[in-house]
Amino acid sequence: MIRLFKPQRRGGKAPRHRKPPSALASAVDVMLGLAALKPSPTAKAAGPKASATGRSKTPTAPAGAAAKPATSGRAAPGSARSGKAAQGSSFRAAVHTCEHGERRYKIFTPASAAASAKPPPLLVMLHGCGQTPDDFAKGTRMNLLAEAFGVLVVYPAQPREAHANRCWNWFRPGDQGRGAGEPALMASLTRHVIERHGADPARVYVAGLSAGASMALIVAHAYPDLFAAAGAHSGLPTGAAHDRISAVVAMQRGGLGLRPTAPVPTIVFHGSADHVVNPRNGRLIAFRALEPFPRLGRTETAGQVPDGRAYVRTVHRVGRGRPWVEQWTVTGAGHAWSGGSSAGRFTDPTGPDASAQMLRFFLRHRTSARRRNGG
């Protein structure tokens, strides 16, 4: 059991020898803000700079080009692998302020968006604990992939004032529903970007890693009129915990969560050897995502990344149509973004490309005008 309070020494008595905390206990402490995150040798990212108004101010920063996502478990080839920047793309910092609070963020604008006559899709990416937008973008390579499809990508930043380790507060009741807390703040930021940058309101998606994955699911289920699909990597189901103690239990054993009130197309990635968030949570996310849908067919395929990890992909759909719920279990992978780049933290370059697969899944879904209007 993880101690929430540090015991005090009693005068005159020598302290008893205690075993050092396990890796699991330390990781859970970090995710819940009970311990400080130790820097990794690969951590090179810096927090985003921002303006102090609700409008985006845009100091430029380099961005990258991408290749088309593959439909297999392999990483996308070409420029997405090389990391070469596309001329005309940008990765800029800004800040959004609303009645629910303020968050800095970074937004990737692909050069290909300007050449398209259609409004671009929008993807909101929520980083994991101890990460920043820059670090998350590097590790997932999502900007490189988004260039090929003209997708805007927004990376909100969780400040230390909101959580000591920059985790999203997925386990707090005040941050688990519509109209308040971090979900309302993310929805407000998303609507601001749609309006300011002319994104397609029918093609808006949200994804995240770890605590970011858990918050992505909360946001998607709280605002099914805004988000067309959700992606969760190494996260927990919505409602899996209501405080830090229940969060520890859910992370270690799995949390059943709550039944969604509306169907949200969902893609799930989880490593089978994740010792921070029990892999059972990945299965429970898929289970909950299926509940609002009519009975779907199920297919399961096994694969292997060349010179990399094996995986099992489970797809739920009607006949041979588009997937409504998709689950990837990566054999032997830990608590890290599958198929990511070693340029970022918490990545596993040997796994199937989660970024490519999520983007492929997302772009097959859109919200109807009736759903966006609350019908």
Protein backbone atom coordinates (compact mmCIF):
# COMPACT_ATOMS: atom_id res chain seq x y z
CA MET A 1 0.00 0.00 0.00
CA ILE A 2 1.30 3.46 -0.85
CA ARG A 3 1.65 5.87 2.09
CA LEU A 4 -0.04 9.23 1.64
CA PHE A 5 1.66 10.83 4.64
CA LYS A 6 5.28 10.72 5.78
CA PRO A 7 5.56 9.23 9.27
CA GLN A 8 7.34 11.34 11.88
CA ARG A 9 10.26 10.04 13.92
CA ARG A 10 9.84 9.73 17.63
CA GLY A 11 12.57 11.26 19.74
CA GLY A 12 15.45 9.06 20.83
CA LYS A 13 14.53 6.06 18.70
CA ALA A 14 16.54 4.96 15.73
CA PRO A 15 14.45 4.69 12.57
CA ARG A 16 13.62 1.21 11.43
CA HIS A 17 15.05 0.02 8.16
CA ARG A 18 12.47 0.18 5.40
CA LYS A 19 12.60 -1.44 2.02
CA PRO A 20 12.90 0.99 -0.88
CA PRO A 21 9.66 1.47 -2.84
CA SER A 22 9.13 -0.82 -5.79
CA ALA A 23 9.18 0.52 -9.35
CA LEU A 24 5.41 0.11 -9.48
CA ALA A 25 4.84 2.04 -6.26
CA SER A 26 7.14 4.83 -7.43
CA ALA A 27 5.36 5.09 -10.78
CA VAL A 28 1.94 5.20 -9.14
CA ASP A 29 3.17 7.89 -6.73
CA VAL A 30 4.33 9.97 -9.69
CA MET A 31 1.05 9.58 -11.59
CA LEU A 32 -0.98 10.67 -8.56
CA GLY A 33 1.33 13.50 -7.52
CA LEU A 34 2.68 11.82 -4.39
CA ALA A 35 6.29 11.92 -5.57
CA ALA A 36 8.42 13.96 -7.91
CA LEU A 37 9.19 12.65 -11.36
CA LYS A 38 12.87 11.92 -11.90
CA PRO A 39 14.21 13.31 -15.16
CA SER A 40 15.06 10.85 -17.88
CA PRO A 41 18.31 11.04 -19.88
CA THR A 42 16.17 11.37 -23.02
CA ALA A 43 14.11 14.28 -21.67
CA LYS A 44 15.04 17.22 -23.88
CA ALA A 45 11.67 18.96 -24.17
CA ALA A 46 10.82 22.33 -22.71
CA GLY A 47 7.46 23.74 -21.69
CA PRO A 48 5.60 25.88 -24.24
CA LYS A 49 5.68 29.64 -24.07
CA ALA A 50 2.36 31.46 -24.38
CA SER A 51 0.60 34.78 -24.45
CA ALA A 52 -1.63 35.96 -21.63
CA THR A 53 -4.90 36.31 -23.55
CA GLY A 54 -7.55 33.97 -24.89
CA ARG A 55 -6.33 34.54 -28.42
CA SER A 56 -3.46 32.64 -29.95
CA LYS A 57 -0.18 34.50 -30.28
CA THR A 58 2.15 32.60 -32.51
CA PRO A 59 5.94 32.60 -32.16
CA THR A 60 7.06 30.09 -34.74
CA ALA A 61 8.85 26.83 -34.15
CA PRO A 62 9.88 24.11 -36.58
CA ALA A 63 7.53 21.29 -37.49
CA GLY A 64 7.76 18.18 -39.59
CA ALA A 65 6.28 16.45 -42.60
CA ALA A 66 4.79 13.01 -42.69
CA ALA A 67 3.89 10.04 -44.79
CA LYS A 68 0.52 8.32 -45.06
CA PRO A 69 -0.27 6.07 -42.09
CA ALA A 70 0.02 2.37 -42.87
CA THR A 71 -2.85 -0.03 -42.18
CA SER A 72 -0.53 -2.70 -40.77
CA GLY A 73 1.34 -2.56 -37.49
CA ARG A 74 4.45 -1.16 -39.16
CA ALA A 75 5.51 2.42 -38.77
CA ALA A 76 4.77 4.67 -41.73
CA PRO A 77 7.69 4.92 -44.18
CA GLY A 78 9.18 7.91 -45.93
CA SER A 79 9.47 11.42 -44.55
CA ALA A 80 7.62 10.51 -41.34
CA ARG A 81 10.60 8.32 -40.54
CA SER A 82 13.20 10.86 -41.59
CA GLY A 83 11.65 13.74 -39.63
CA LYS A 84 12.22 16.29 -42.40
CA ALA A 85 10.20 19.49 -41.97
CA ALA A 86 7.57 20.48 -44.51
CA GLN A 87 8.00 23.98 -45.85
CA GLY A 88 5.08 26.12 -44.73
CA SER A 89 4.12 24.06 -41.67
CA SER A 90 4.29 25.55 -38.18
CA PHE A 91 4.33 24.49 -34.52
CA ARG A 92 3.35 27.48 -32.42
CA ALA A 93 2.63 28.29 -28.79
CA ALA A 94 -0.46 30.05 -27.44
CA VAL A 95 -2.70 30.22 -24.39
CA HIS A 96 -6.44 29.81 -23.94
CA THR A 97 -8.42 31.42 -21.14
CA CYS A 98 -12.06 30.80 -20.32
CA GLU A 99 -14.36 30.66 -17.30
CA HIS A 100 -13.00 27.20 -16.43
CA GLY A 101 -9.36 28.26 -16.28
CA GLU A 102 -6.31 28.81 -18.45
CA ARG A 103 -4.00 26.46 -20.30
CA ARG A 104 -1.03 26.94 -22.54
CA TYR A 105 -0.94 24.83 -25.66
CA LYS A 106 0.93 24.26 -28.89
CA ILE A 107 -0.71 23.87 -32.26
CA PHE A 108 0.69 22.18 -35.34
CA THR A 109 -0.56 23.60 -38.63
CA PRO A 110 0.40 21.45 -41.63
CA ALA A 111 1.45 23.07 -44.88
CA SER A 112 -0.97 20.76 -46.68
CA ALA A 113 -3.95 22.36 -44.92
CA ALA A 114 -3.51 25.62 -46.81
CA ALA A 115 -3.58 23.80 -50.14
CA SER A 116 -6.85 22.01 -49.39
CA ALA A 117 -10.26 23.45 -50.21
CA LYS A 118 -11.80 21.53 -47.29
CA PRO A 119 -11.57 22.57 -43.63
CA PRO A 120 -8.93 20.47 -41.85
CA PRO A 121 -9.66 17.83 -39.20
CA LEU A 122 -8.54 18.59 -35.64
CA LEU A 123 -6.82 16.24 -33.19
CA VAL A 124 -6.35 17.12 -29.50
CA MET A 125 -3.39 15.27 -27.92
CA LEU A 126 -3.17 15.05 -24.10
CA HIS A 127 0.32 14.23 -22.84
CA GLY A 128 1.19 11.87 -19.99
CA CYS A 129 2.65 12.66 -16.58
CA GLY A 130 5.98 14.49 -16.64
CA GLN A 131 5.62 15.37 -20.32
CA THR A 132 5.23 18.62 -22.23
CA PRO A 133 3.60 19.33 -25.60
CA ASP A 134 7.03 19.44 -27.28
CA ASP A 135 8.09 16.15 -25.75
CA PHE A 136 4.79 14.45 -26.59
CA ALA A 137 4.92 15.67 -30.18
CA LYS A 138 8.48 14.36 -30.60
CA GLY A 139 7.74 11.00 -29.02
CA THR A 140 4.52 10.27 -30.90
CA ARG A 141 5.64 11.79 -34.24
CA MET A 142 2.00 12.81 -34.68
CA ASN A 143 2.92 16.07 -36.42
CA LEU A 144 4.88 14.18 -39.04
CA LEU A 145 1.90 11.96 -39.80
CA ALA A 146 -0.63 14.80 -39.64
CA GLU A 147 1.18 16.68 -42.42
CA ALA A 148 0.21 14.04 -44.98
CA PHE A 149 -3.50 14.40 -44.21
CA GLY A 150 -3.73 18.09 -43.45
CA VAL A 151 -4.68 17.55 -39.81
CA LEU A 152 -4.38 20.29 -37.20
CA VAL A 153 -2.93 18.94 -33.94
CA VAL A 154 -3.34 20.72 -30.59
CA TYR A 155 -1.27 19.81 -27.52
CA PRO A 156 -2.65 21.33 -24.29
CA ALA A 157 -0.09 21.65 -21.49
CA GLN A 158 -0.87 20.69 -17.90
CA PRO A 159 0.97 23.10 -15.54
CA ARG A 160 2.54 22.12 -12.25
CA GLU A 161 0.05 24.41 -10.51
CA ALA A 162 -2.70 21.99 -11.54
CA HIS A 163 -0.68 18.84 -10.74
CA ALA A 164 2.82 18.51 -9.31
CA ASN A 165 3.87 16.07 -12.05
CA ARG A 166 1.86 17.69 -14.86
CA CYS A 167 -0.68 14.83 -14.88
CA TRP A 168 -4.28 15.41 -15.91
CA ASN A 169 -6.59 14.98 -12.92
CA TRP A 170 -8.60 12.04 -14.25
CA PHE A 171 -9.36 10.68 -10.75
CA ARG A 172 -11.00 13.81 -9.28
CA PRO A 173 -14.83 14.01 -9.39
CA GLY A 174 -14.68 17.71 -10.26
CA ASP A 175 -12.71 16.83 -13.42
CA GLN A 176 -14.84 13.93 -14.64
CA GLY A 177 -17.92 15.48 -16.20
CA ARG A 178 -19.41 18.03 -18.53
CA GLY A 179 -19.50 21.71 -17.71
CA ALA A 180 -16.71 21.91 -15.12
CA GLY A 181 -13.02 21.36 -14.47
CA GLU A 182 -10.49 20.13 -17.00
CA PRO A 183 -13.04 18.53 -19.38
CA ALA A 184 -14.87 21.85 -19.78
CA LEU A 185 -11.56 23.66 -20.24
CA MET A 186 -10.50 21.20 -22.97
CA ALA A 187 -13.87 21.56 -24.70
CA SER A 188 -13.60 25.36 -24.62
CA LEU A 189 -10.07 25.23 -26.03
CA THR A 190 -11.20 22.85 -28.78
CA ARG A 191 -14.09 25.11 -29.81
CA HIS A 192 -11.73 28.09 -29.81
CA VAL A 193 -9.33 26.34 -32.19
CA ILE A 194 -12.18 25.21 -34.47
CA GLU A 195 -13.39 28.79 -34.78
CA ARG A 196 -10.02 30.52 -35.01
CA HIS A 197 -8.34 28.08 -37.39
CA GLY A 198 -11.35 26.99 -39.42
CA ALA A 199 -11.19 23.30 -38.48
CA ASP A 200 -13.92 20.92 -39.58
CA PRO A 201 -16.37 20.61 -36.65
CA ALA A 202 -17.44 17.18 -37.90
CA ARG A 203 -13.91 15.75 -37.69
CA VAL A 204 -12.62 16.50 -34.20
CA TYR A 205 -10.77 13.84 -32.20
CA VAL A 206 -8.99 13.46 -28.86
CA ALA A 207 -6.25 11.06 -27.74
CA GLY A 208 -3.74 10.72 -24.93
CA LEU A 209 -1.18 8.68 -23.04
CA SER A 210 -1.57 7.37 -19.48
CA ALA A 211 -3.26 10.11 -17.41
CA GLY A 212 -3.78 11.94 -20.71
CA ALA A 213 -5.53 8.87 -22.13
CA SER A 214 -7.82 8.69 -19.12
CA MET A 215 -8.68 12.38 -19.49
CA ALA A 216 -9.16 12.00 -23.26
CA LEU A 217 -11.84 9.38 -22.61
CA ILE A 218 -13.50 11.57 -19.99
CA VAL A 219 -13.57 14.53 -22.39
CA ALA A 220 -14.90 12.46 -25.29
CA HIS A 221 -17.69 10.93 -23.20
CA ALA A 222 -18.58 14.27 -21.61
CA TYR A 223 -18.74 15.97 -25.03
CA PRO A 224 -19.90 13.39 -27.62
CA ASP A 225 -21.40 16.30 -29.56
CA LEU A 226 -17.89 17.72 -30.05
CA PHE A 227 -15.58 14.71 -30.48
CA ALA A 228 -16.10 12.16 -33.23
CA ALA A 229 -13.70 9.55 -31.79
CA ALA A 230 -11.21 8.95 -28.99
CA GLY A 231 -7.85 7.20 -28.61
CA ALA A 232 -6.47 5.84 -25.34
CA HIS A 233 -2.90 4.59 -24.89
CA SER A 234 -2.11 2.98 -21.51
CA GLY A 235 -5.07 4.65 -19.79
CA LEU A 236 -8.03 3.79 -17.57
CA PRO A 237 -11.80 3.78 -18.20
CA THR A 238 -13.90 6.82 -17.46
CA GLY A 239 -15.00 6.77 -13.83
CA ALA A 240 -12.44 4.14 -12.81
CA ALA A 241 -11.55 6.18 -9.69
CA HIS A 242 -12.95 9.00 -7.57
CA ASP A 243 -9.91 9.87 -5.42
CA ARG A 244 -6.23 8.98 -5.05
CA ILE A 245 -6.85 5.77 -3.09
CA SER A 246 -9.30 4.36 -5.62
CA ALA A 247 -6.94 5.50 -8.39
CA VAL A 248 -4.14 3.37 -6.92
CA VAL A 249 -6.45 0.35 -6.83
CA ALA A 250 -7.63 0.93 -10.41
CA MET A 251 -4.09 1.37 -11.71
CA GLN A 252 -2.83 -1.78 -10.02
CA ARG A 253 -5.85 -4.08 -10.47
CA GLY A 254 -8.03 -2.50 -13.14
CA GLY A 255 -11.01 -0.18 -12.81
CA LEU A 256 -14.41 -1.11 -14.24
CA GLY A 257 -15.43 2.49 -14.82
CA LEU A 258 -18.86 3.72 -15.85
CA ARG A 259 -21.14 2.88 -18.75
CA PRO A 260 -21.00 5.64 -21.39
CA THR A 261 -24.22 7.52 -22.07
CA ALA A 262 -23.47 7.89 -25.79
CA PRO A 263 -21.51 5.86 -28.34
CA VAL A 264 -17.98 7.15 -29.00
CA PRO A 265 -15.77 5.32 -31.53
CA THR A 266 -12.66 4.33 -29.58
CA ILE A 267 -9.22 2.90 -30.35
CA VAL A 268 -7.16 1.45 -27.49
CA PHE A 269 -3.44 0.63 -27.19
CA HIS A 270 -1.93 -1.08 -24.15
CA GLY A 271 1.25 -3.02 -23.47
CA SER A 272 0.86 -6.51 -22.02
CA ALA A 273 3.76 -5.87 -19.61
CA ASP A 274 2.60 -2.46 -18.35
CA HIS A 275 3.44 -2.40 -14.64
CA VAL A 276 2.16 1.14 -14.07
CA VAL A 277 -1.39 0.82 -15.41
CA ASN A 278 -2.60 -2.78 -15.35
CA PRO A 279 -3.27 -4.05 -18.91
CA ARG A 280 -6.72 -5.12 -17.70
CA ASN A 281 -7.64 -1.44 -17.99
CA GLY A 282 -7.14 -1.54 -21.75
CA ARG A 283 -9.61 -4.40 -22.02
CA LEU A 284 -12.07 -2.58 -19.76
CA ILE A 285 -11.86 0.58 -21.89
CA ALA A 286 -12.81 -1.49 -24.94
CA PHE A 287 -15.57 -3.24 -22.99
CA ARG A 288 -17.10 0.07 -21.91
CA ALA A 289 -16.75 1.58 -25.37
CA LEU A 290 -18.75 -1.31 -26.85
CA GLU A 291 -21.72 -1.00 -24.50
CA PRO A 292 -23.64 1.83 -26.24
CA PHE A 293 -23.30 0.25 -29.70
CA PRO A 294 -25.65 -2.35 -31.18
CA ARG A 295 -24.17 -5.81 -31.40
CA LEU A 296 -20.97 -5.66 -33.45
CA GLY A 297 -18.99 -8.36 -35.17
CA ARG A 298 -15.57 -9.18 -33.75
CA THR A 299 -12.37 -10.13 -35.56
CA GLU A 300 -8.96 -10.77 -34.06
CA THR A 301 -5.64 -10.85 -35.88
CA ALA A 302 -2.10 -11.35 -34.66
CA GLY A 303 0.90 -9.66 -36.19
CA GLN A 304 4.54 -8.76 -35.70
CA VAL A 305 6.48 -5.59 -36.41
CA PRO A 306 9.59 -6.53 -38.44
CA ASP A 307 12.44 -6.82 -35.92
CA GLY A 308 9.99 -5.58 -33.29
CA ARG A 309 7.11 -6.57 -31.05
CA ALA A 310 4.21 -8.90 -31.66
CA TYR A 311 0.68 -7.62 -31.17
CA VAL A 312 -2.96 -8.68 -31.23
CA ARG A 313 -5.51 -6.42 -32.92
CA THR A 314 -9.20 -6.85 -32.09
CA VAL A 315 -11.74 -5.01 -34.24
CA HIS A 316 -15.46 -4.56 -33.60
CA ARG A 317 -17.65 -3.45 -36.51
CA VAL A 318 -20.73 -4.19 -38.57
CA GLY A 319 -19.88 -6.62 -41.35
CA ARG A 320 -16.82 -5.36 -43.21
CA GLY A 321 -17.48 -1.71 -42.47
CA ARG A 322 -15.41 0.78 -40.52
CA PRO A 323 -14.24 -0.19 -37.01
CA TRP A 324 -16.24 1.28 -34.13
CA VAL A 325 -14.04 -0.08 -31.37
CA GLU A 326 -10.47 -1.27 -31.91
CA GLN A 327 -8.07 -2.71 -29.35
CA TRP A 328 -4.34 -3.31 -29.75
CA THR A 329 -2.45 -5.37 -27.18
CA VAL A 330 1.32 -5.06 -27.67
CA THR A 331 3.17 -8.13 -26.42
CA GLY A 332 5.87 -7.41 -23.85
CA ALA A 333 5.46 -3.63 -24.04
CA GLY A 334 5.48 -1.50 -20.91
CA HIS A 335 4.05 1.91 -20.07
CA ALA A 336 5.15 3.69 -23.25
CA TRP A 337 3.77 4.97 -26.57
CA SER A 338 3.98 2.11 -29.06
CA GLY A 339 5.98 2.79 -32.21
CA GLY A 340 7.10 6.18 -30.96
CA SER A 341 10.41 7.94 -31.42
CA SER A 342 13.24 7.76 -28.92
CA ALA A 343 13.50 11.55 -29.31
CA GLY A 344 10.65 11.75 -26.80
CA ARG A 345 10.07 10.24 -23.36
CA PHE A 346 7.98 7.17 -22.55
CA THR A 347 8.12 5.61 -26.01
CA ASP A 348 8.69 2.11 -27.37
CA PRO A 349 10.04 2.35 -30.94
CA THR A 350 9.80 -1.44 -31.41
CA GLY A 351 6.01 -1.62 -31.22
CA PRO A 352 3.32 -1.09 -33.88
CA ASP A 353 2.84 2.56 -34.79
CA ALA A 354 0.07 3.78 -32.46
CA SER A 355 0.08 7.27 -33.99
CA ALA A 356 -0.47 5.97 -37.53
CA GLN A 357 -3.18 3.55 -36.41
CA MET A 358 -5.02 6.16 -34.36
CA LEU A 359 -4.99 8.67 -37.20
CA ARG A 360 -6.21 6.02 -39.64
CA PHE A 361 -9.03 5.09 -37.23
CA PHE A 362 -10.03 8.69 -36.49
CA LEU A 363 -10.34 9.83 -40.09
CA ARG A 364 -13.02 7.22 -40.75
CA HIS A 365 -15.36 8.88 -38.25
CA ARG A 366 -17.24 12.17 -38.14
CA THR A 367 -20.06 13.64 -36.11
CA SER A 368 -23.40 14.35 -37.75
CA ALA A 369 -24.95 17.83 -37.73
CA ARG A 370 -27.74 16.42 -35.57
CA ARG A 371 -25.28 15.11 -32.99
CA ARG A 372 -23.35 18.39 -32.92
CA ASN A 373 -26.62 20.22 -32.30
CA GLY A 374 -27.47 17.97 -29.36
CA GLY A 375 -29.95 15.75 -31.20
